[in-house]
Amino acid sequence: MKELKLIKKVAKVPTLLARKIKAAGKKIQYNNHILNILKDKTVLAYILSFVVSEFKGYTAESIIETIGEPKVHKVPVEPGMKRKRSETIRGESTDSIIPGEGMIFFDILFTTYAGTKNPVKLYINIEAQRKFSPGYDIVTRAIVYGARMISEQIEAEAVTSNYDNVKKVYSIWLCLNAPKSVQDSIIEYSIKPEALHGNYSKASRYDIMSVIIVCLNNNTLDSKNKLIGMLSNLLSPRLDFEEKKKTLESSYGFKMSKEVEAEANTMCNLADEIEDEVIKNIIKNMISDGLPDEKIMLYANCDEDLIKSVRETK
């Protein structure tokens, strides 16, 4: 009987994997809300007006109409395999697979047109990056994404007998938690010629890829750059919804659509839930370590009622 009771007791204790999945659940929801905000055409147009050279001098309002339907984590694409035109990266595909290399997920992918007389088609990828140093250089990964977007145009935009129809691609990375040393900055990496010897004056179309790294300001949420300031406020988990909305309208002239309002409001509430969960886990660990309530209140910045509720739910 004692063994049976012990088995039942152990069965009730969640495994480490189960706890990780449960903890990740809300974070995944949080990430999804961020992507749903970023895929809004009003937000996308605001981003393009600041960092895409082809839209220099354009207002965000005039760019909105040029944006194709943005897709978030939808249809897989298999480069290197024979594909139908509808399966290629024409705004519908957001995943890319190469045998032996694993799967790459494009957060947001869409096409747009710049110019009025002879519109130029562009492929745009937007990535929301929460970890600035995930164990490799973000810039290298961003270049790989851009290169993949170019290669996947074969059969869709260009053929191997004529590469001139390849459209320019932009891979734009929004770094939400960048370190202080790089916060409040925008860096562009592009292809540029350099004469190593002689004078090769032939005009060539080399400008077909740009990688742009936007590092938001996590400290003050303010910036002399309007794009950084707007995004820092829009995606901040520290501001409540009403404060966020007021700042965006008064300081950056950015008006939320109804869809963005709903996602931002939900994201703010979810951020509070995640923070509460983190604090409760800290309190649980302190209780397990045998710390007295006085020290727990000091370290976790909480009151006795919260400690009591955590004890009751253990």
Protein backbone atom coordinates (compact mmCIF):
# COMPACT_ATOMS: atom_id res chain seq x y z
CA MET A 1 0.00 0.00 0.00
CA LYS A 2 2.83 2.38 0.83
CA GLU A 3 4.42 1.69 -2.58
CA LEU A 4 1.08 2.41 -4.32
CA LYS A 5 0.73 5.75 -2.50
CA LEU A 6 4.30 6.67 -3.44
CA ILE A 7 3.66 5.91 -7.12
CA LYS A 8 0.52 8.05 -7.08
CA LYS A 9 2.40 10.89 -5.42
CA VAL A 10 5.24 10.75 -7.98
CA ALA A 11 2.74 10.61 -10.83
CA LYS A 12 1.26 13.92 -9.70
CA VAL A 13 4.63 15.69 -9.87
CA PRO A 14 5.02 17.22 -13.36
CA THR A 15 8.12 16.17 -15.27
CA LEU A 16 10.76 18.75 -16.21
CA LEU A 17 9.63 18.52 -19.82
CA ALA A 18 6.01 19.09 -18.86
CA ARG A 19 6.98 22.15 -16.80
CA LYS A 20 9.05 23.51 -19.70
CA ILE A 21 6.17 23.03 -22.14
CA LYS A 22 3.76 24.72 -19.74
CA ALA A 23 6.13 27.64 -19.19
CA ALA A 24 6.81 27.98 -22.91
CA GLY A 25 3.10 28.01 -23.70
CA LYS A 26 2.56 31.60 -22.64
CA LYS A 27 5.86 32.70 -24.17
CA ILE A 28 4.83 31.14 -27.48
CA GLN A 29 1.51 33.00 -27.27
CA TYR A 30 3.44 36.19 -26.52
CA ASN A 31 5.62 35.67 -29.61
CA ASN A 32 2.55 34.99 -31.75
CA HIS A 33 0.97 38.26 -30.63
CA ILE A 34 4.17 40.12 -31.56
CA LEU A 35 4.09 38.60 -35.05
CA ASN A 36 0.39 39.38 -35.44
CA ILE A 37 1.18 43.01 -34.59
CA LEU A 38 4.14 43.20 -36.97
CA LYS A 39 2.25 41.67 -39.91
CA ASP A 40 -0.30 44.50 -39.81
CA LYS A 41 0.17 46.55 -42.99
CA THR A 42 0.18 49.82 -41.06
CA VAL A 43 3.14 48.59 -38.98
CA LEU A 44 4.91 47.11 -42.02
CA ALA A 45 4.51 50.34 -44.00
CA TYR A 46 5.97 52.34 -41.10
CA ILE A 47 9.01 50.03 -41.03
CA LEU A 48 9.53 50.14 -44.81
CA SER A 49 9.33 53.94 -44.92
CA PHE A 50 12.41 54.16 -42.67
CA VAL A 51 14.72 51.35 -43.79
CA VAL A 52 13.96 50.44 -47.42
CA SER A 53 15.80 52.83 -49.75
CA GLU A 54 13.31 52.29 -52.58
CA PHE A 55 10.64 53.88 -50.35
CA LYS A 56 12.70 56.95 -49.42
CA GLY A 57 10.40 59.97 -49.39
CA TYR A 58 7.24 57.84 -49.27
CA THR A 59 4.70 58.20 -46.48
CA ALA A 60 3.59 55.09 -44.62
CA GLU A 61 0.05 55.72 -45.88
CA SER A 62 1.17 55.55 -49.52
CA ILE A 63 3.15 52.34 -48.94
CA ILE A 64 0.25 50.38 -47.42
CA GLU A 65 -1.46 49.91 -50.79
CA THR A 66 1.70 48.38 -52.32
CA ILE A 67 2.07 45.60 -49.76
CA GLY A 68 0.98 42.09 -50.72
CA GLU A 69 -0.71 39.77 -48.21
CA PRO A 70 1.81 39.06 -45.42
CA LYS A 71 2.07 35.44 -44.35
CA VAL A 72 3.25 34.13 -40.98
CA HIS A 73 4.56 30.54 -40.64
CA LYS A 74 2.35 28.99 -43.31
CA VAL A 75 3.44 26.91 -46.31
CA PRO A 76 6.79 25.05 -46.50
CA VAL A 77 9.07 25.57 -49.51
CA GLU A 78 11.58 22.95 -50.68
CA PRO A 79 14.51 24.56 -52.56
CA GLY A 80 16.42 22.25 -54.84
CA MET A 81 13.31 20.29 -55.73
CA LYS A 82 11.05 20.80 -58.74
CA ARG A 83 8.19 23.04 -57.66
CA LYS A 84 5.01 24.42 -59.08
CA ARG A 85 4.86 28.20 -59.47
CA SER A 86 2.18 28.36 -56.78
CA GLU A 87 4.53 26.61 -54.32
CA THR A 88 7.40 29.06 -54.68
CA ILE A 89 8.17 32.04 -52.51
CA ARG A 90 5.67 34.53 -53.91
CA GLY A 91 4.28 35.85 -50.64
CA GLU A 92 2.58 32.56 -49.82
CA SER A 93 5.52 30.57 -48.40
CA THR A 94 7.16 31.19 -45.06
CA ASP A 95 9.16 28.03 -44.36
CA SER A 96 12.24 26.85 -46.22
CA ILE A 97 13.69 23.35 -46.17
CA ILE A 98 16.96 22.02 -47.54
CA PRO A 99 17.71 18.28 -47.13
CA GLY A 100 20.26 17.68 -44.39
CA GLU A 101 20.18 21.31 -43.28
CA GLY A 102 16.96 21.37 -41.29
CA MET A 103 14.10 23.83 -41.55
CA ILE A 104 14.27 27.61 -41.56
CA PHE A 105 11.19 29.52 -40.48
CA PHE A 106 10.57 32.96 -41.93
CA ASP A 107 8.57 34.97 -39.38
CA ILE A 108 6.85 37.27 -41.88
CA LEU A 109 7.22 37.24 -45.65
CA PHE A 110 5.58 39.38 -48.31
CA THR A 111 6.14 41.24 -51.59
CA THR A 112 5.71 44.92 -52.32
CA TYR A 113 6.17 47.39 -55.19
CA ALA A 114 8.11 50.66 -55.06
CA GLY A 115 7.77 53.43 -57.63
CA THR A 116 4.92 54.58 -59.85
CA LYS A 117 6.14 54.74 -63.47
CA ASN A 118 8.15 51.51 -63.45
CA PRO A 119 7.34 49.80 -60.15
CA VAL A 120 10.12 47.67 -58.69
CA LYS A 121 9.10 44.42 -57.03
CA LEU A 122 10.72 43.65 -53.68
CA TYR A 123 10.69 40.60 -51.41
CA ILE A 124 10.55 41.52 -47.73
CA ASN A 125 11.23 39.34 -44.68
CA ILE A 126 10.61 40.68 -41.16
CA GLU A 127 12.07 38.81 -38.17
CA ALA A 128 11.34 39.49 -34.50
CA GLN A 129 14.48 38.40 -32.66
CA ARG A 130 14.17 38.00 -28.89
CA LYS A 131 17.70 36.64 -28.29
CA PHE A 132 20.50 38.81 -29.68
CA SER A 133 23.21 36.25 -28.88
CA PRO A 134 21.67 32.77 -29.37
CA GLY A 135 25.07 31.13 -29.79
CA TYR A 136 25.88 32.45 -33.27
CA ASP A 137 26.04 35.79 -35.07
CA ILE A 138 22.60 37.17 -35.93
CA VAL A 139 24.03 38.96 -38.98
CA THR A 140 25.25 35.67 -40.47
CA ARG A 141 21.83 34.11 -40.01
CA ALA A 142 20.15 37.16 -41.56
CA ILE A 143 22.41 36.93 -44.63
CA VAL A 144 21.52 33.23 -45.00
CA TYR A 145 17.82 34.19 -44.90
CA GLY A 146 18.37 36.81 -47.59
CA ALA A 147 20.33 34.39 -49.77
CA ARG A 148 17.57 31.79 -49.39
CA MET A 149 14.98 34.34 -50.52
CA ILE A 150 17.02 35.00 -53.67
CA SER A 151 17.63 31.35 -54.56
CA GLU A 152 13.96 30.50 -54.10
CA GLN A 153 13.01 32.93 -56.86
CA ILE A 154 14.36 30.54 -59.48
CA GLU A 155 11.40 29.35 -61.55
CA ALA A 156 9.19 31.97 -59.89
CA GLU A 157 10.87 35.18 -61.09
CA ALA A 158 13.93 34.08 -63.04
CA VAL A 159 15.35 31.06 -64.87
CA THR A 160 18.92 29.75 -64.89
CA SER A 161 19.41 31.00 -68.46
CA ASN A 162 18.66 34.59 -67.34
CA TYR A 163 19.23 35.75 -63.77
CA ASP A 164 18.45 39.41 -64.48
CA ASN A 165 14.84 39.03 -63.38
CA VAL A 166 15.80 38.23 -59.79
CA LYS A 167 14.10 40.74 -57.48
CA LYS A 168 15.83 42.51 -54.64
CA VAL A 169 15.27 41.06 -51.15
CA TYR A 170 15.30 42.67 -47.72
CA SER A 171 15.70 40.71 -44.51
CA ILE A 172 14.85 43.08 -41.64
CA TRP A 173 15.63 41.93 -38.09
CA LEU A 174 14.02 43.65 -35.12
CA CYS A 175 16.11 42.86 -32.04
CA LEU A 176 13.85 43.23 -28.99
CA ASN A 177 16.40 42.46 -26.27
CA ALA A 178 19.66 43.82 -27.66
CA PRO A 179 22.53 44.52 -25.23
CA LYS A 180 23.18 48.11 -24.18
CA SER A 181 26.24 48.35 -26.43
CA VAL A 182 24.14 48.08 -29.60
CA GLN A 183 20.73 49.39 -28.49
CA ASP A 184 19.20 52.30 -30.37
CA SER A 185 20.93 51.53 -33.67
CA ILE A 186 20.14 50.50 -37.24
CA ILE A 187 22.79 48.81 -39.37
CA GLU A 188 22.46 47.81 -43.04
CA TYR A 189 24.58 45.14 -44.72
CA SER A 190 24.48 45.16 -48.51
CA ILE A 191 26.44 44.09 -51.58
CA LYS A 192 28.86 46.75 -52.87
CA PRO A 193 31.64 46.55 -55.47
CA GLU A 194 35.29 47.21 -54.66
CA ALA A 195 37.93 47.46 -57.39
CA LEU A 196 40.84 45.25 -56.39
CA HIS A 197 42.69 45.94 -59.65
CA GLY A 198 42.05 47.87 -62.86
CA ASN A 199 38.96 49.78 -63.95
CA TYR A 200 35.93 47.61 -64.50
CA SER A 201 33.38 50.26 -65.40
CA LYS A 202 30.60 48.05 -66.72
CA ALA A 203 27.31 48.84 -65.00
CA SER A 204 26.17 45.70 -63.17
CA ARG A 205 23.05 44.96 -61.19
CA TYR A 206 24.61 43.83 -57.92
CA ASP A 207 22.27 45.48 -55.41
CA ILE A 208 19.90 42.54 -54.91
CA MET A 209 20.10 41.95 -51.15
CA SER A 210 20.07 44.07 -48.01
CA VAL A 211 20.12 42.86 -44.42
CA ILE A 212 18.98 45.40 -41.85
CA ILE A 213 19.45 44.97 -38.11
CA VAL A 214 17.25 47.22 -35.96
CA CYS A 215 18.22 47.19 -32.27
CA LEU A 216 15.42 48.59 -30.14
CA ASN A 217 15.90 50.75 -27.06
CA ASN A 218 14.91 48.74 -23.98
CA ASN A 219 16.04 51.30 -21.42
CA THR A 220 14.17 54.55 -22.02
CA LEU A 221 11.86 53.39 -24.85
CA ASP A 222 12.76 56.75 -26.38
CA SER A 223 14.98 57.46 -29.38
CA LYS A 224 15.88 60.22 -31.81
CA ASN A 225 15.07 57.68 -34.51
CA LYS A 226 11.30 57.48 -34.93
CA LEU A 227 11.27 53.86 -36.10
CA ILE A 228 13.23 52.64 -33.07
CA GLY A 229 11.13 54.77 -30.73
CA MET A 230 7.85 53.58 -32.21
CA LEU A 231 8.77 49.88 -32.19
CA SER A 232 10.37 50.06 -28.72
CA ASN A 233 7.09 51.37 -27.33
CA LEU A 234 4.79 49.19 -29.44
CA LEU A 235 6.54 45.93 -28.49
CA SER A 236 7.49 46.81 -24.91
CA PRO A 237 6.16 44.45 -22.22
CA ARG A 238 6.67 47.19 -19.60
CA LEU A 239 3.97 49.60 -20.75
CA ASP A 240 0.27 49.08 -20.19
CA PHE A 241 -1.99 49.34 -23.21
CA GLU A 242 -3.43 52.82 -22.66
CA GLU A 243 -0.01 54.35 -21.97
CA LYS A 244 1.38 52.61 -25.05
CA LYS A 245 -1.42 53.85 -27.29
CA LYS A 246 -1.11 57.43 -26.04
CA THR A 247 2.67 57.53 -26.57
CA LEU A 248 2.47 56.06 -30.06
CA GLU A 249 -0.11 58.60 -31.21
CA SER A 250 1.36 61.71 -29.56
CA SER A 251 5.10 61.09 -30.02
CA TYR A 252 5.29 59.07 -33.24
CA GLY A 253 2.08 59.86 -35.11
CA PHE A 254 1.31 56.16 -35.24
CA LYS A 255 -2.33 55.20 -35.02
CA MET A 256 -3.14 51.60 -34.19
CA SER A 257 -5.59 49.68 -36.33
CA LYS A 258 -8.31 47.78 -34.46
CA GLU A 259 -6.41 44.53 -35.08
CA VAL A 260 -3.16 45.93 -33.64
CA GLU A 261 -5.04 47.39 -30.66
CA ALA A 262 -6.52 43.97 -29.85
CA GLU A 263 -3.16 42.17 -30.20
CA ALA A 264 -1.25 44.83 -28.22
CA ASN A 265 -3.82 44.76 -25.41
CA THR A 266 -3.67 40.96 -25.20
CA MET A 267 0.13 41.03 -25.34
CA CYS A 268 0.31 43.50 -22.44
CA ASN A 269 -1.95 41.28 -20.31
CA LEU A 270 0.04 38.20 -21.27
CA ALA A 271 3.32 39.92 -20.36
CA ASP A 272 1.89 40.59 -16.89
CA GLU A 273 0.89 36.92 -16.56
CA ILE A 274 4.38 35.77 -17.58
CA GLU A 275 5.98 38.17 -15.09
CA ASP A 276 3.67 36.97 -12.32
CA GLU A 277 4.51 33.36 -13.15
CA VAL A 278 8.25 34.10 -13.02
CA ILE A 279 7.90 35.80 -9.61
CA LYS A 280 5.86 32.88 -8.25
CA ASN A 281 8.49 30.40 -9.46
CA ILE A 282 11.19 32.45 -7.71
CA ILE A 283 9.14 32.42 -4.50
CA LYS A 284 8.64 28.64 -4.80
CA ASN A 285 12.40 28.12 -5.10
CA MET A 286 13.05 30.34 -2.09
CA ILE A 287 10.47 28.45 -0.03
CA SER A 288 12.08 25.14 -1.08
CA ASP A 289 15.48 26.53 -0.01
CA GLY A 290 14.05 27.28 3.43
CA LEU A 291 14.31 31.08 3.30
CA PRO A 292 12.19 32.96 5.86
CA ASP A 293 9.28 35.06 4.62
CA GLU A 294 11.08 38.31 5.51
CA LYS A 295 13.92 37.55 3.08
CA ILE A 296 11.53 36.29 0.39
CA MET A 297 9.57 39.56 0.56
CA LEU A 298 12.83 41.48 0.23
CA TYR A 299 14.35 39.49 -2.63
CA ALA A 300 11.15 38.91 -4.64
CA ASN A 301 9.69 42.36 -3.88
CA CYS A 302 6.35 40.85 -2.85
CA ASP A 303 3.97 40.83 0.10
CA GLU A 304 3.01 38.13 2.60
CA ASP A 305 -0.29 37.36 0.86
CA LEU A 306 1.52 36.30 -2.33
CA ILE A 307 3.91 34.05 -0.39
CA LYS A 308 0.92 32.52 1.40
CA SER A 309 -0.90 31.83 -1.87
CA VAL A 310 2.21 30.20 -3.35
CA ARG A 311 2.56 27.96 -0.27
CA GLU A 312 -1.08 26.90 -0.61
CA THR A 313 -0.69 25.95 -4.26
CA LYS A 314 2.48 23.87 -3.76
